[in-house]
Amino acid sequence: MAVPRRSTNSSTPSTSPSSSTSGWPAPLQRALLSRAAKPVVWLLWLAPLAWLVWAVLSDNLGANPAEALIRGTGDWALRALWLALAVTPLRQGLQLTALARLRRLLGLFAFFYAVLHLVCYAWLDQGWAWADMAADVLQRPFILVGMLTFLLLLTLAATSPHAVLRWLGGARWKRLHRTVYAAALLALLHFYWMRSGKNDQAEVVVYATLLVLLLGARWWRRAGR
């Protein structure tokens, strides 16, 4: 993070970022830029998977382990996606430019847990019966929306490497990756319909509120430009 040069006029106070924010961003920037930052993110986001595996092996998933696995992997996919969307507003609002280097990794973890969510559904709920899965997609709207969300996340993950960015060009790559907001809206709709059958909307309201705030921050920034 660039620090403005100190004025040669002794009567002019310093305007460095550290002085304006009590100095806390500088060590946090160094931590985010360190070599340990990404391994720590890997450990944190693989921990939920490790817990689910342990819960399966120790028979601690309750009366319906299949549903617990499907729901658990879906929940973590949502959390990773929302956190990836929050990176840019947090980076801009807190002046933590180093956060940008973690956005792609968080997005890939969202896709990773979405893959596990789909695998758990196909295996534990449908028994790899592809014809039954196709019928389920057509008969239940929330499954259809979930599949559309997965396809969007698959496209974003497949085009995330830097080589693809160079091939597409920066402008086209950015337009393509703005569809992450469409994926988030579809994921929220999938989550809402899934919870509607259980009359449990508290978490849906939390995710919806956070998404509105994230979209509002994006709109505010574009309007400011």
C-alpha atoms as a PDB file:
ATOM      1  CA  MET A   1       0.000   0.000   0.000  1.00  0.00           C
ATOM      2  CA  ALA A   2       1.503   3.285  -1.094  1.00  0.00           C
ATOM      3  CA  VAL A   3       2.232   5.850   1.601  1.00  0.00           C
ATOM      4  CA  PRO A   4       2.136   9.559   0.634  1.00  0.00           C
ATOM      5  CA  ARG A   5       5.403  11.400   1.073  1.00  0.00           C
ATOM      6  CA  ARG A   6       5.719  13.598   4.108  1.00  0.00           C
ATOM      7  CA  SER A   7       5.298  17.267   3.313  1.00  0.00           C
ATOM      8  CA  THR A   8       8.402  19.419   3.501  1.00  0.00           C
ATOM      9  CA  ASN A   9       6.278  22.014   5.299  1.00  0.00           C
ATOM     10  CA  SER A  10       6.535  21.206   9.014  1.00  0.00           C
ATOM     11  CA  SER A  11       3.148  22.795   9.656  1.00  0.00           C
ATOM     12  CA  THR A  12       1.377  20.240   7.446  1.00  0.00           C
ATOM     13  CA  PRO A  13       0.411  17.052   9.321  1.00  0.00           C
ATOM     14  CA  SER A  14       1.252  13.629   7.947  1.00  0.00           C
ATOM     15  CA  THR A  15      -1.561  11.942   5.980  1.00  0.00           C
ATOM     16  CA  SER A  16      -0.241   8.385   5.855  1.00  0.00           C
ATOM     17  CA  PRO A  17      -2.803   5.559   5.935  1.00  0.00           C
ATOM     18  CA  SER A  18      -1.346   4.292   9.189  1.00  0.00           C
ATOM     19  CA  SER A  19      -1.968   7.566  10.943  1.00  0.00           C
ATOM     20  CA  SER A  20      -5.537   7.796   9.687  1.00  0.00           C
ATOM     21  CA  THR A  21      -6.456   4.288  10.866  1.00  0.00           C
ATOM     22  CA  SER A  22      -4.409   4.020  14.099  1.00  0.00           C
ATOM     23  CA  GLY A  23      -1.782   1.959  12.311  1.00  0.00           C
ATOM     24  CA  TRP A  24      -3.675  -1.349  12.238  1.00  0.00           C
ATOM     25  CA  PRO A  25      -3.761  -1.964   8.441  1.00  0.00           C
ATOM     26  CA  ALA A  26       0.027  -2.083   8.023  1.00  0.00           C
ATOM     27  CA  PRO A  27       0.666  -5.300  10.017  1.00  0.00           C
ATOM     28  CA  LEU A  28      -2.481  -6.854   8.573  1.00  0.00           C
ATOM     29  CA  GLN A  29      -1.277  -6.015   5.068  1.00  0.00           C
ATOM     30  CA  ARG A  30       2.054  -7.701   5.812  1.00  0.00           C
ATOM     31  CA  ALA A  31       0.252 -10.768   7.166  1.00  0.00           C
ATOM     32  CA  LEU A  32      -1.953 -11.021   4.075  1.00  0.00           C
ATOM     33  CA  LEU A  33       1.075 -10.650   1.805  1.00  0.00           C
ATOM     34  CA  SER A  34       3.119 -13.243   3.653  1.00  0.00           C
ATOM     35  CA  ARG A  35       3.765 -16.707   2.280  1.00  0.00           C
ATOM     36  CA  ALA A  36       1.768 -18.199   5.125  1.00  0.00           C
ATOM     37  CA  ALA A  37      -1.482 -16.394   4.212  1.00  0.00           C
ATOM     38  CA  LYS A  38      -2.683 -18.818   1.540  1.00  0.00           C
ATOM     39  CA  PRO A  39      -1.717 -21.983   3.454  1.00  0.00           C
ATOM     40  CA  VAL A  40      -3.696 -20.634   6.421  1.00  0.00           C
ATOM     41  CA  VAL A  41      -6.722 -20.069   4.152  1.00  0.00           C
ATOM     42  CA  TRP A  42      -6.348 -23.626   2.837  1.00  0.00           C
ATOM     43  CA  LEU A  43      -6.293 -25.031   6.379  1.00  0.00           C
ATOM     44  CA  LEU A  44      -9.284 -22.950   7.479  1.00  0.00           C
ATOM     45  CA  TRP A  45     -11.423 -23.948   4.506  1.00  0.00           C
ATOM     46  CA  LEU A  46     -10.458 -27.626   4.573  1.00  0.00           C
ATOM     47  CA  ALA A  47     -11.325 -27.807   8.276  1.00  0.00           C
ATOM     48  CA  PRO A  48     -15.112 -28.088   7.592  1.00  0.00           C
ATOM     49  CA  LEU A  49     -14.470 -31.009   5.242  1.00  0.00           C
ATOM     50  CA  ALA A  50     -12.279 -32.674   7.866  1.00  0.00           C
ATOM     51  CA  TRP A  51     -15.059 -32.232  10.430  1.00  0.00           C
ATOM     52  CA  LEU A  52     -17.654 -33.759   8.088  1.00  0.00           C
ATOM     53  CA  VAL A  53     -15.385 -36.746   7.393  1.00  0.00           C
ATOM     54  CA  TRP A  54     -14.820 -37.197  11.130  1.00  0.00           C
ATOM     55  CA  ALA A  55     -18.566 -36.937  11.759  1.00  0.00           C
ATOM     56  CA  VAL A  56     -19.244 -39.651   9.168  1.00  0.00           C
ATOM     57  CA  LEU A  57     -16.608 -41.989  10.625  1.00  0.00           C
ATOM     58  CA  SER A  58     -17.781 -41.427  14.200  1.00  0.00           C
ATOM     59  CA  ASP A  59     -21.499 -41.574  13.325  1.00  0.00           C
ATOM     60  CA  ASN A  60     -22.152 -38.031  14.572  1.00  0.00           C
ATOM     61  CA  LEU A  61     -24.347 -36.704  11.753  1.00  0.00           C
ATOM     62  CA  GLY A  62     -27.674 -37.365  13.429  1.00  0.00           C
ATOM     63  CA  ALA A  63     -30.626 -39.440  12.314  1.00  0.00           C
ATOM     64  CA  ASN A  64     -30.226 -38.559   8.617  1.00  0.00           C
ATOM     65  CA  PRO A  65     -26.499 -38.491   7.726  1.00  0.00           C
ATOM     66  CA  ALA A  66     -27.171 -38.132   3.994  1.00  0.00           C
ATOM     67  CA  GLU A  67     -29.224 -34.977   4.476  1.00  0.00           C
ATOM     68  CA  ALA A  68     -26.645 -33.603   6.925  1.00  0.00           C
ATOM     69  CA  LEU A  69     -23.853 -34.067   4.379  1.00  0.00           C
ATOM     70  CA  ILE A  70     -25.854 -32.543   1.534  1.00  0.00           C
ATOM     71  CA  ARG A  71     -26.854 -29.575   3.669  1.00  0.00           C
ATOM     72  CA  GLY A  72     -23.416 -29.136   5.236  1.00  0.00           C
ATOM     73  CA  THR A  73     -21.516 -29.033   1.957  1.00  0.00           C
ATOM     74  CA  GLY A  74     -24.097 -26.644   0.499  1.00  0.00           C
ATOM     75  CA  ASP A  75     -23.834 -24.339   3.509  1.00  0.00           C
ATOM     76  CA  TRP A  76     -20.059 -24.119   3.197  1.00  0.00           C
ATOM     77  CA  ALA A  77     -20.321 -23.435  -0.531  1.00  0.00           C
ATOM     78  CA  LEU A  78     -22.605 -20.485   0.270  1.00  0.00           C
ATOM     79  CA  ARG A  79     -20.292 -19.170   2.972  1.00  0.00           C
ATOM     80  CA  ALA A  80     -17.226 -19.309   0.734  1.00  0.00           C
ATOM     81  CA  LEU A  81     -19.090 -17.625  -2.135  1.00  0.00           C
ATOM     82  CA  TRP A  82     -20.355 -14.803   0.076  1.00  0.00           C
ATOM     83  CA  LEU A  83     -16.882 -14.285   1.537  1.00  0.00           C
ATOM     84  CA  ALA A  84     -15.364 -14.147  -1.951  1.00  0.00           C
ATOM     85  CA  LEU A  85     -17.934 -11.492  -2.892  1.00  0.00           C
ATOM     86  CA  ALA A  86     -17.059  -9.530   0.249  1.00  0.00           C
ATOM     87  CA  VAL A  87     -13.351  -9.305  -0.600  1.00  0.00           C
ATOM     88  CA  THR A  88     -13.613  -6.276  -2.900  1.00  0.00           C
ATOM     89  CA  PRO A  89     -15.830  -4.131  -0.605  1.00  0.00           C
ATOM     90  CA  LEU A  90     -13.609  -4.985   2.376  1.00  0.00           C
ATOM     91  CA  ARG A  91     -10.453  -4.280   0.383  1.00  0.00           C
ATOM     92  CA  GLN A  92     -11.754  -0.883  -0.658  1.00  0.00           C
ATOM     93  CA  GLY A  93     -13.390   0.085   2.605  1.00  0.00           C
ATOM     94  CA  LEU A  94     -10.488  -0.975   4.832  1.00  0.00           C
ATOM     95  CA  GLN A  95      -7.704  -0.081   2.354  1.00  0.00           C
ATOM     96  CA  LEU A  96      -6.422  -3.658   2.512  1.00  0.00           C
ATOM     97  CA  THR A  97      -5.203  -4.124  -1.034  1.00  0.00           C
ATOM     98  CA  ALA A  98      -3.572  -7.454  -0.130  1.00  0.00           C
ATOM     99  CA  LEU A  99      -7.015  -9.027   0.311  1.00  0.00           C
ATOM    100  CA  ALA A 100      -7.298  -9.191  -3.475  1.00  0.00           C
ATOM    101  CA  ARG A 101      -4.803 -12.062  -3.626  1.00  0.00           C
ATOM    102  CA  LEU A 102      -7.211 -14.273  -1.645  1.00  0.00           C
ATOM    103  CA  ARG A 103     -10.354 -13.652  -3.713  1.00  0.00           C
ATOM    104  CA  ARG A 104      -9.637 -16.275  -6.380  1.00  0.00           C
ATOM    105  CA  LEU A 105      -8.799 -18.897  -3.748  1.00  0.00           C
ATOM    106  CA  LEU A 106     -12.041 -18.232  -1.866  1.00  0.00           C
ATOM    107  CA  GLY A 107     -14.005 -18.460  -5.105  1.00  0.00           C
ATOM    108  CA  LEU A 108     -12.407 -21.815  -5.865  1.00  0.00           C
ATOM    109  CA  PHE A 109     -13.313 -23.081  -2.404  1.00  0.00           C
ATOM    110  CA  ALA A 110     -16.911 -22.054  -3.091  1.00  0.00           C
ATOM    111  CA  PHE A 111     -16.769 -24.178  -6.241  1.00  0.00           C
ATOM    112  CA  PHE A 112     -15.052 -27.021  -4.371  1.00  0.00           C
ATOM    113  CA  TYR A 113     -17.830 -27.244  -1.791  1.00  0.00           C
ATOM    114  CA  ALA A 114     -20.440 -26.882  -4.545  1.00  0.00           C
ATOM    115  CA  VAL A 115     -18.876 -29.936  -6.223  1.00  0.00           C
ATOM    116  CA  LEU A 116     -19.065 -31.857  -2.943  1.00  0.00           C
ATOM    117  CA  HIS A 117     -22.674 -30.710  -2.534  1.00  0.00           C
ATOM    118  CA  LEU A 118     -23.548 -32.053  -5.993  1.00  0.00           C
ATOM    119  CA  VAL A 119     -21.666 -35.303  -5.402  1.00  0.00           C
ATOM    120  CA  CYS A 120     -23.476 -35.871  -2.091  1.00  0.00           C
ATOM    121  CA  TYR A 121     -26.824 -35.227  -3.796  1.00  0.00           C
ATOM    122  CA  ALA A 122     -26.066 -37.509  -6.759  1.00  0.00           C
ATOM    123  CA  TRP A 123     -24.666 -40.288  -4.596  1.00  0.00           C
ATOM    124  CA  LEU A 124     -26.591 -40.219  -1.321  1.00  0.00           C
ATOM    125  CA  ASP A 125     -29.940 -38.893  -2.537  1.00  0.00           C
ATOM    126  CA  GLN A 126     -30.132 -40.305  -6.067  1.00  0.00           C
ATOM    127  CA  GLY A 127     -27.780 -43.292  -5.947  1.00  0.00           C
ATOM    128  CA  TRP A 128     -26.081 -42.204  -9.199  1.00  0.00           C
ATOM    129  CA  ALA A 129     -29.314 -42.872 -11.086  1.00  0.00           C
ATOM    130  CA  TRP A 130     -28.860 -40.365 -13.894  1.00  0.00           C
ATOM    131  CA  ALA A 131     -32.369 -40.752 -15.306  1.00  0.00           C
ATOM    132  CA  ASP A 132     -33.859 -40.116 -11.869  1.00  0.00           C
ATOM    133  CA  MET A 133     -31.587 -37.092 -11.444  1.00  0.00           C
ATOM    134  CA  ALA A 134     -32.710 -35.647 -14.770  1.00  0.00           C
ATOM    135  CA  ALA A 135     -36.354 -36.151 -13.798  1.00  0.00           C
ATOM    136  CA  ASP A 136     -35.689 -34.555 -10.405  1.00  0.00           C
ATOM    137  CA  VAL A 137     -34.142 -31.490 -12.057  1.00  0.00           C
ATOM    138  CA  LEU A 138     -37.213 -31.059 -14.260  1.00  0.00           C
ATOM    139  CA  GLN A 139     -39.760 -31.714 -11.519  1.00  0.00           C
ATOM    140  CA  ARG A 140     -38.307 -29.685  -8.640  1.00  0.00           C
ATOM    141  CA  PRO A 141     -37.505 -26.012  -9.394  1.00  0.00           C
ATOM    142  CA  PHE A 142     -35.033 -25.630  -6.544  1.00  0.00           C
ATOM    143  CA  ILE A 143     -32.946 -28.512  -7.919  1.00  0.00           C
ATOM    144  CA  LEU A 144     -32.990 -26.880 -11.366  1.00  0.00           C
ATOM    145  CA  VAL A 145     -31.843 -23.575  -9.881  1.00  0.00           C
ATOM    146  CA  GLY A 146     -29.117 -25.394  -7.971  1.00  0.00           C
ATOM    147  CA  MET A 147     -27.858 -27.005 -11.181  1.00  0.00           C
ATOM    148  CA  LEU A 148     -27.816 -23.636 -12.961  1.00  0.00           C
ATOM    149  CA  THR A 149     -25.831 -22.194 -10.069  1.00  0.00           C
ATOM    150  CA  PHE A 150     -23.345 -25.042 -10.314  1.00  0.00           C
ATOM    151  CA  LEU A 151     -22.898 -24.517 -14.057  1.00  0.00           C
ATOM    152  CA  LEU A 152     -22.144 -20.835 -13.494  1.00  0.00           C
ATOM    153  CA  LEU A 153     -19.627 -21.649 -10.772  1.00  0.00           C
ATOM    154  CA  LEU A 154     -18.078 -24.288 -13.038  1.00  0.00           C
ATOM    155  CA  THR A 155     -17.648 -21.687 -15.792  1.00  0.00           C
ATOM    156  CA  LEU A 156     -16.073 -19.214 -13.383  1.00  0.00           C
ATOM    157  CA  ALA A 157     -13.710 -21.820 -11.943  1.00  0.00           C
ATOM    158  CA  ALA A 158     -12.679 -23.032 -15.405  1.00  0.00           C
ATOM    159  CA  THR A 159     -11.872 -19.475 -16.517  1.00  0.00           C
ATOM    160  CA  SER A 160     -10.105 -18.402 -13.329  1.00  0.00           C
ATOM    161  CA  PRO A 161      -6.500 -19.266 -14.357  1.00  0.00           C
ATOM    162  CA  HIS A 162      -4.304 -16.379 -15.466  1.00  0.00           C
ATOM    163  CA  ALA A 163      -3.726 -18.062 -18.831  1.00  0.00           C
ATOM    164  CA  VAL A 164      -7.458 -17.857 -19.571  1.00  0.00           C
ATOM    165  CA  LEU A 165      -7.502 -14.211 -18.496  1.00  0.00           C
ATOM    166  CA  ARG A 166      -4.734 -13.429 -21.002  1.00  0.00           C
ATOM    167  CA  TRP A 167      -6.528 -15.385 -23.722  1.00  0.00           C
ATOM    168  CA  LEU A 168      -9.896 -13.701 -23.177  1.00  0.00           C
ATOM    169  CA  GLY A 169      -8.523 -10.250 -22.489  1.00  0.00           C
ATOM    170  CA  GLY A 170      -9.116  -8.271 -19.344  1.00  0.00           C
ATOM    171  CA  ALA A 171     -12.397  -6.627 -20.392  1.00  0.00           C
ATOM    172  CA  ARG A 172     -14.115  -9.830 -21.544  1.00  0.00           C
ATOM    173  CA  TRP A 173     -12.802 -11.750 -18.540  1.00  0.00           C
ATOM    174  CA  LYS A 174     -14.222  -9.154 -16.143  1.00  0.00           C
ATOM    175  CA  ARG A 175     -17.607  -9.197 -17.889  1.00  0.00           C
ATOM    176  CA  LEU A 176     -17.701 -12.967 -17.632  1.00  0.00           C
ATOM    177  CA  HIS A 177     -16.753 -12.991 -13.962  1.00  0.00           C
ATOM    178  CA  ARG A 178     -19.421 -10.461 -13.054  1.00  0.00           C
ATOM    179  CA  THR A 179     -21.827 -13.362 -13.495  1.00  0.00           C
ATOM    180  CA  VAL A 180     -20.708 -14.406 -10.012  1.00  0.00           C
ATOM    181  CA  TYR A 181     -23.489 -12.103  -8.783  1.00  0.00           C
ATOM    182  CA  ALA A 182     -26.000 -14.044 -10.870  1.00  0.00           C
ATOM    183  CA  ALA A 183     -24.624 -17.240  -9.340  1.00  0.00           C
ATOM    184  CA  ALA A 184     -25.085 -15.752  -5.872  1.00  0.00           C
ATOM    185  CA  LEU A 185     -28.700 -14.775  -6.610  1.00  0.00           C
ATOM    186  CA  LEU A 186     -29.463 -18.250  -7.945  1.00  0.00           C
ATOM    187  CA  ALA A 187     -27.739 -19.856  -4.959  1.00  0.00           C
ATOM    188  CA  LEU A 188     -29.844 -17.721  -2.627  1.00  0.00           C
ATOM    189  CA  LEU A 189     -33.035 -18.736  -4.460  1.00  0.00           C
ATOM    190  CA  HIS A 190     -31.993 -22.409  -4.263  1.00  0.00           C
ATOM    191  CA  PHE A 191     -31.361 -22.025  -0.538  1.00  0.00           C
ATOM    192  CA  TYR A 192     -34.668 -20.205  -0.010  1.00  0.00           C
ATOM    193  CA  TRP A 193     -36.740 -22.871  -1.778  1.00  0.00           C
ATOM    194  CA  MET A 194     -34.902 -25.638   0.034  1.00  0.00           C
ATOM    195  CA  ARG A 195     -35.583 -24.046   3.429  1.00  0.00           C
ATOM    196  CA  SER A 196     -39.194 -23.144   2.565  1.00  0.00           C
ATOM    197  CA  GLY A 197     -40.222 -26.757   2.888  1.00  0.00           C
ATOM    198  CA  LYS A 198     -38.888 -26.790   6.444  1.00  0.00           C
ATOM    199  CA  ASN A 199     -40.281 -23.371   7.478  1.00  0.00           C
ATOM    200  CA  ASP A 200     -36.762 -22.281   8.429  1.00  0.00           C
ATOM    201  CA  GLN A 201     -35.923 -18.926   6.872  1.00  0.00           C
ATOM    202  CA  ALA A 202     -33.684 -17.305   9.504  1.00  0.00           C
ATOM    203  CA  GLU A 203     -30.430 -18.108   7.688  1.00  0.00           C
ATOM    204  CA  VAL A 204     -31.988 -17.161   4.351  1.00  0.00           C
ATOM    205  CA  VAL A 205     -32.682 -13.674   5.712  1.00  0.00           C
ATOM    206  CA  VAL A 206     -29.068 -13.362   6.879  1.00  0.00           C
ATOM    207  CA  TYR A 207     -27.654 -14.380   3.502  1.00  0.00           C
ATOM    208  CA  ALA A 208     -30.128 -12.151   1.644  1.00  0.00           C
ATOM    209  CA  THR A 209     -29.242  -9.148   3.817  1.00  0.00           C
ATOM    210  CA  LEU A 210     -25.531  -9.678   3.280  1.00  0.00           C
ATOM    211  CA  LEU A 211     -26.026 -10.000  -0.475  1.00  0.00           C
ATOM    212  CA  VAL A 212     -28.076  -6.794  -0.594  1.00  0.00           C
ATOM    213  CA  LEU A 213     -25.281  -5.015   1.280  1.00  0.00           C
ATOM    214  CA  LEU A 214     -22.631  -6.391  -1.081  1.00  0.00           C
ATOM    215  CA  LEU A 215     -24.617  -5.415  -4.176  1.00  0.00           C
ATOM    216  CA  GLY A 216     -25.320  -2.013  -2.631  1.00  0.00           C
ATOM    217  CA  ALA A 217     -21.606  -1.462  -2.013  1.00  0.00           C
ATOM    218  CA  ARG A 218     -20.884  -2.341  -5.634  1.00  0.00           C
ATOM    219  CA  TRP A 219     -23.606   0.005  -6.909  1.00  0.00           C
ATOM    220  CA  TRP A 220     -22.369   2.816  -4.638  1.00  0.00           C
ATOM    221  CA  ARG A 221     -18.835   2.443  -5.963  1.00  0.00           C
ATOM    222  CA  ARG A 222     -19.991   2.485  -9.586  1.00  0.00           C
ATOM    223  CA  ALA A 223     -22.208   5.511  -8.915  1.00  0.00           C
ATOM    224  CA  GLY A 224     -19.261   7.286  -7.303  1.00  0.00           C
ATOM    225  CA  ARG A 225     -17.213   6.754 -10.423  1.00  0.00           C
END
